[in-house]
Amino acid sequence: MERKKKWLLYALITTVTWGIWGAFSEIPEKHGFPSTLVYVVWAITMIPCALVALHNIHWKLDTHWKPVVLSLIVGILGSGGQLLLFQALRQGPAYIIFPIISLAPIVTVIMSAAILKEKVAFISRIGIILAFVSIVCFSISGNSGDRVQGYGWLILALIVFACWGVQAFVLKVANNYAPDAESIFVYEAIASLLFIPIALLMTDFSQPINCSFSGPYASFLIQILNSAGALALVYAMRYGKAIVVSPLTDALSPVITVILSLIIYATVPPIWQIIGIVSAITCIFILSKE
């Protein structure tokens, strides 16, 4: 396969796995398994994916300091942002928080264009714009009943927005220095495991915790999709441009989620999500030519 097309294949793998993950991700928490413990399970699911990555490079992990540091930063930004998101959702309204963080690719696009000097054709710029239109459409929510405690949640949401936007940029930079994409993912997995103690401290163990199949076991099956998508994203960033990959994956994965939700839960998507689906599909058609 041509190198310039590899990024698209891996980006599509990321969108499919994240889309399926998104459709089922709320199940464990709705059945009494705390989101902080979901994080712990997710970090653990990074281990088998990291072992697959190590196998692909014949267990020869890169140890050069620059890619190691950059890869750890990728993991820290992603994992730290996730834990901050949990805290923000405890205090603030999800219908405001999620639209804020969903626009994180804006940071990636700006940094990639300004620092890495990434450029795309005019038609591809239209595709990127359509990706952001799709992201905004999927972020719209009519729910205004969430409880609000002060405005600390807004600061946390903005920090998560910055963390995840910078994370994708650093991931691309790490790929520019690392001899292989697999080593980057392994260090990213290590960083996610380092945050497990913090997630456990954030967990309220005084409340009942579901330890049946619908709790940790279902969470593992769901979160392994998240980790597999993260591994594919590392490859997508290696072969593609961050200015394209980041908005594309964030725009397309909700399409899969909405379609699955339509099939499983028999829900009809509102008009703005239909617009988002059309924008995302048009976006992938345009960017596939990049």
Protein backbone atom coordinates (compact mmCIF):
# COMPACT_ATOMS: atom_id res chain seq x y z
CA MET A 1 0.00 0.00 0.00
CA GLU A 2 1.25 3.47 -0.86
CA ARG A 3 2.54 5.40 2.13
CA LYS A 4 0.23 8.32 1.39
CA LYS A 5 -2.79 6.01 1.62
CA LYS A 6 -1.72 4.22 4.81
CA TRP A 7 -2.73 7.21 6.92
CA LEU A 8 -6.29 6.96 5.61
CA LEU A 9 -6.57 3.23 6.38
CA TYR A 10 -5.37 3.72 9.97
CA ALA A 11 -7.51 6.83 10.42
CA LEU A 12 -10.55 4.82 9.35
CA ILE A 13 -9.65 2.03 11.79
CA THR A 14 -9.50 4.66 14.53
CA THR A 15 -12.86 6.14 13.59
CA VAL A 16 -14.57 2.72 13.44
CA THR A 17 -13.17 1.46 16.76
CA TRP A 18 -13.83 4.78 18.50
CA GLY A 19 -17.27 4.97 16.97
CA ILE A 20 -18.23 1.52 18.29
CA TRP A 21 -16.63 2.38 21.63
CA GLY A 22 -18.68 5.57 21.79
CA ALA A 23 -21.94 3.70 21.26
CA PHE A 24 -21.34 1.42 24.25
CA SER A 25 -19.05 3.51 26.48
CA GLU A 26 -21.81 4.66 28.85
CA ILE A 27 -23.06 1.15 29.68
CA PRO A 28 -20.71 0.35 32.62
CA GLU A 29 -21.26 3.72 34.33
CA LYS A 30 -25.05 3.46 33.90
CA HIS A 31 -24.82 0.08 35.63
CA GLY A 32 -22.98 1.43 38.65
CA PHE A 33 -19.33 1.22 37.59
CA PRO A 34 -17.67 4.63 38.27
CA SER A 35 -16.01 6.54 35.44
CA THR A 36 -12.75 6.71 37.39
CA LEU A 37 -12.62 2.92 37.50
CA VAL A 38 -13.46 2.87 33.81
CA TYR A 39 -10.23 4.85 33.41
CA VAL A 40 -8.34 2.16 35.34
CA VAL A 41 -9.78 -0.53 33.07
CA TRP A 42 -8.91 1.53 29.98
CA ALA A 43 -5.30 1.90 31.14
CA ILE A 44 -5.13 -1.86 31.63
CA THR A 45 -6.47 -2.47 28.11
CA MET A 46 -3.53 -0.46 26.80
CA ILE A 47 -1.27 -3.33 27.92
CA PRO A 48 -2.36 -5.98 25.35
CA CYS A 49 -2.26 -3.36 22.60
CA ALA A 50 1.24 -2.35 23.72
CA LEU A 51 2.31 -6.01 23.62
CA VAL A 52 1.04 -6.25 20.04
CA ALA A 53 3.04 -3.11 19.20
CA LEU A 54 6.16 -4.57 20.80
CA HIS A 55 5.71 -7.81 18.88
CA ASN A 56 5.54 -5.84 15.63
CA ILE A 57 8.99 -4.35 16.30
CA HIS A 58 10.42 -7.66 17.56
CA TRP A 59 10.52 -6.38 21.16
CA LYS A 60 13.15 -3.76 20.29
CA LEU A 61 11.83 -0.69 22.08
CA ASP A 62 13.35 2.65 21.06
CA THR A 63 15.28 4.26 23.93
CA HIS A 64 16.47 7.53 22.38
CA TRP A 65 15.63 10.28 24.86
CA LYS A 66 13.80 12.70 22.55
CA PRO A 67 11.13 10.33 21.18
CA VAL A 68 10.80 8.73 24.64
CA VAL A 69 10.11 12.09 26.29
CA LEU A 70 7.73 13.17 23.53
CA SER A 71 5.84 9.87 23.70
CA LEU A 72 5.49 10.12 27.48
CA ILE A 73 4.17 13.66 27.06
CA VAL A 74 1.55 12.31 24.62
CA GLY A 75 0.43 9.81 27.25
CA ILE A 76 0.47 12.36 30.08
CA LEU A 77 -1.59 14.89 28.12
CA GLY A 78 -4.15 12.27 27.14
CA SER A 79 -4.45 10.53 30.50
CA GLY A 80 -4.24 13.70 32.57
CA GLY A 81 -6.88 15.31 30.38
CA GLN A 82 -9.17 12.33 30.88
CA LEU A 83 -8.98 12.56 34.67
CA LEU A 84 -9.54 16.33 34.57
CA LEU A 85 -12.60 15.67 32.41
CA PHE A 86 -14.06 13.40 35.09
CA GLN A 87 -13.65 16.18 37.64
CA ALA A 88 -15.14 18.80 35.31
CA LEU A 89 -18.21 16.63 34.70
CA ARG A 90 -18.76 16.31 38.45
CA GLN A 91 -19.10 20.10 38.73
CA GLY A 92 -20.35 21.40 35.40
CA PRO A 93 -22.86 20.77 32.60
CA ALA A 94 -21.92 18.10 30.07
CA TYR A 95 -23.81 19.97 27.33
CA ILE A 96 -21.23 22.77 27.55
CA ILE A 97 -18.14 20.75 28.47
CA PHE A 98 -18.26 18.27 25.59
CA PRO A 99 -18.65 20.88 22.83
CA ILE A 100 -15.63 22.71 24.26
CA ILE A 101 -13.31 19.69 24.32
CA SER A 102 -14.60 18.32 21.02
CA LEU A 103 -13.06 21.32 19.27
CA ALA A 104 -9.56 20.37 20.46
CA PRO A 105 -8.48 19.60 16.84
CA ILE A 106 -8.51 23.38 16.31
CA VAL A 107 -5.41 23.56 18.51
CA THR A 108 -3.82 20.69 16.56
CA VAL A 109 -4.54 22.29 13.19
CA ILE A 110 -3.21 25.71 14.22
CA MET A 111 -0.02 24.29 15.78
CA SER A 112 0.62 21.95 12.84
CA ALA A 113 0.21 24.74 10.32
CA ALA A 114 2.24 27.29 12.29
CA ILE A 115 5.05 25.10 13.65
CA LEU A 116 5.29 22.06 11.37
CA LYS A 117 4.36 24.13 8.31
CA GLU A 118 1.92 21.45 7.16
CA LYS A 119 0.00 22.48 4.06
CA VAL A 120 -2.93 21.00 2.20
CA ALA A 121 -4.60 21.70 -1.12
CA PHE A 122 -7.52 24.13 -1.27
CA ILE A 123 -10.08 21.33 -1.68
CA SER A 124 -8.64 19.61 1.41
CA ARG A 125 -9.13 22.80 3.39
CA ILE A 126 -12.81 22.55 2.57
CA GLY A 127 -12.71 18.99 3.88
CA ILE A 128 -11.16 20.16 7.15
CA ILE A 129 -13.80 22.86 7.51
CA LEU A 130 -16.52 20.24 6.94
CA ALA A 131 -14.88 18.10 9.65
CA PHE A 132 -15.27 20.93 12.14
CA VAL A 133 -18.86 21.51 11.00
CA SER A 134 -19.51 17.85 11.74
CA ILE A 135 -17.81 18.04 15.15
CA VAL A 136 -19.92 21.05 16.13
CA CYS A 137 -23.12 19.35 14.95
CA PHE A 138 -22.42 16.24 17.02
CA SER A 139 -21.61 18.41 20.05
CA ILE A 140 -25.00 20.14 20.10
CA SER A 141 -27.18 19.00 22.97
CA GLY A 142 -30.58 20.13 24.17
CA ASN A 143 -29.92 18.93 27.72
CA SER A 144 -29.76 21.86 30.13
CA GLY A 145 -30.59 20.03 33.33
CA ASP A 146 -27.05 19.29 34.49
CA ARG A 147 -26.08 20.69 37.85
CA VAL A 148 -23.52 23.48 37.95
CA GLN A 149 -21.14 24.19 40.80
CA GLY A 150 -19.28 27.47 40.30
CA TYR A 151 -17.07 27.98 37.28
CA GLY A 152 -14.07 25.82 38.14
CA TRP A 153 -15.45 23.23 35.72
CA LEU A 154 -15.04 25.71 32.86
CA ILE A 155 -11.33 26.15 33.63
CA LEU A 156 -10.94 22.37 33.77
CA ALA A 157 -12.78 21.96 30.46
CA LEU A 158 -10.51 24.52 28.81
CA ILE A 159 -7.44 22.72 30.17
CA VAL A 160 -8.71 19.42 28.74
CA PHE A 161 -9.39 21.20 25.43
CA ALA A 162 -5.77 22.42 25.39
CA CYS A 163 -4.32 19.08 26.55
CA TRP A 164 -6.00 17.02 23.86
CA GLY A 165 -5.30 19.53 21.13
CA VAL A 166 -1.61 19.70 22.02
CA GLN A 167 -1.49 15.92 22.49
CA ALA A 168 -2.30 15.23 18.84
CA PHE A 169 0.33 17.76 17.76
CA VAL A 170 3.01 16.22 20.01
CA LEU A 171 2.06 12.78 18.69
CA LYS A 172 2.91 13.95 15.19
CA VAL A 173 6.19 15.49 16.38
CA ALA A 174 7.08 12.26 18.20
CA ASN A 175 6.55 10.35 14.96
CA ASN A 176 9.01 12.69 13.26
CA TYR A 177 11.74 11.63 15.71
CA ALA A 178 10.91 8.04 16.61
CA PRO A 179 12.19 5.22 14.36
CA ASP A 180 8.84 3.42 14.69
CA ALA A 181 5.26 4.19 15.70
CA GLU A 182 5.07 1.19 18.03
CA SER A 183 7.54 2.58 20.56
CA ILE A 184 5.50 5.76 20.82
CA PHE A 185 2.39 3.79 21.73
CA VAL A 186 4.24 1.70 24.33
CA TYR A 187 5.43 4.81 26.17
CA GLU A 188 1.95 6.30 25.83
CA ALA A 189 0.58 3.16 27.51
CA ILE A 190 3.14 3.42 30.30
CA ALA A 191 2.08 7.02 30.98
CA SER A 192 -1.59 5.99 31.17
CA LEU A 193 -0.75 3.33 33.77
CA LEU A 194 1.03 5.92 35.93
CA PHE A 195 -2.28 7.74 36.45
CA ILE A 196 -4.09 4.70 37.88
CA PRO A 197 -3.34 5.64 41.53
CA ILE A 198 -4.84 9.10 40.95
CA ALA A 199 -7.96 7.56 39.40
CA LEU A 200 -8.32 5.27 42.41
CA LEU A 201 -7.97 8.24 44.79
CA MET A 202 -10.71 10.04 42.87
CA THR A 203 -13.07 7.07 43.26
CA ASP A 204 -15.73 7.18 45.96
CA PHE A 205 -15.52 3.66 47.34
CA SER A 206 -18.21 4.47 49.93
CA GLN A 207 -20.76 4.12 47.13
CA PRO A 208 -21.88 0.72 45.79
CA ILE A 209 -19.74 -0.46 42.89
CA ASN A 210 -20.97 -2.95 40.32
CA CYS A 211 -18.43 -5.78 40.03
CA SER A 212 -20.58 -8.06 37.85
CA PHE A 213 -20.11 -8.60 34.11
CA SER A 214 -21.84 -5.30 33.25
CA GLY A 215 -19.20 -3.49 35.33
CA PRO A 216 -15.46 -4.16 34.94
CA TYR A 217 -15.75 -7.00 32.41
CA ALA A 218 -18.03 -5.16 30.00
CA SER A 219 -15.87 -2.10 30.50
CA PHE A 220 -12.78 -4.08 29.44
CA LEU A 221 -14.44 -5.28 26.23
CA ILE A 222 -15.55 -1.74 25.43
CA GLN A 223 -12.31 0.01 26.36
CA ILE A 224 -10.14 -2.38 24.33
CA LEU A 225 -11.73 -0.73 21.30
CA ASN A 226 -10.60 2.66 22.62
CA SER A 227 -7.03 1.41 23.02
CA ALA A 228 -6.97 -0.26 19.61
CA GLY A 229 -8.15 3.01 18.08
CA ALA A 230 -5.39 4.87 19.91
CA LEU A 231 -2.80 2.48 18.46
CA ALA A 232 -4.18 2.97 14.95
CA LEU A 233 -4.08 6.74 15.49
CA VAL A 234 -0.33 6.60 16.13
CA TYR A 235 0.11 4.96 12.73
CA ALA A 236 -2.25 7.45 11.08
CA MET A 237 -0.21 10.33 12.47
CA ARG A 238 3.01 8.69 11.30
CA TYR A 239 1.92 8.42 7.68
CA GLY A 240 -0.41 11.41 7.47
CA LYS A 241 -0.59 15.08 8.33
CA ALA A 242 -1.83 16.06 11.78
CA ILE A 243 -3.71 18.96 10.19
CA VAL A 244 -5.85 16.36 8.37
CA VAL A 245 -5.86 13.27 10.62
CA SER A 246 -6.94 15.00 13.83
CA PRO A 247 -10.15 16.70 12.60
CA LEU A 248 -11.01 13.73 10.38
CA THR A 249 -10.98 11.12 13.18
CA ASP A 250 -12.87 13.42 15.55
CA ALA A 251 -15.53 14.09 12.92
CA LEU A 252 -16.09 10.54 11.65
CA SER A 253 -16.19 8.50 14.87
CA PRO A 254 -19.49 10.09 16.03
CA VAL A 255 -21.03 9.02 12.71
CA ILE A 256 -20.44 5.37 13.63
CA THR A 257 -21.75 6.02 17.14
CA VAL A 258 -24.96 7.63 15.86
CA ILE A 259 -25.59 4.87 13.31
CA LEU A 260 -25.08 2.14 15.92
CA SER A 261 -27.28 3.99 18.40
CA LEU A 262 -29.95 4.24 15.70
CA ILE A 263 -29.80 0.47 15.15
CA ILE A 264 -29.44 -0.65 18.78
CA TYR A 265 -31.54 1.88 20.64
CA ALA A 266 -33.97 2.71 17.82
CA THR A 267 -33.28 6.42 18.20
CA VAL A 268 -33.81 8.88 15.37
CA PRO A 269 -30.95 11.40 15.08
CA PRO A 270 -31.98 15.08 15.26
CA ILE A 271 -31.49 17.32 12.26
CA TRP A 272 -28.12 18.70 13.39
CA GLN A 273 -26.70 15.16 13.68
CA ILE A 274 -27.97 14.38 10.18
CA ILE A 275 -26.12 17.49 8.98
CA GLY A 276 -23.07 16.25 10.89
CA ILE A 277 -23.24 12.84 9.19
CA VAL A 278 -23.49 14.40 5.72
CA SER A 279 -20.60 16.78 6.51
CA ALA A 280 -18.42 13.94 7.82
CA ILE A 281 -19.07 11.68 4.83
CA THR A 282 -18.31 14.55 2.44
CA CYS A 283 -15.22 15.30 4.49
CA ILE A 284 -13.82 11.76 4.16
CA PHE A 285 -14.49 11.78 0.42
CA ILE A 286 -12.56 15.04 0.00
CA LEU A 287 -9.66 14.19 2.35
CA SER A 288 -9.21 10.73 0.83
CA LYS A 289 -7.78 12.57 -2.17
CA GLU A 290 -5.12 14.25 0.00
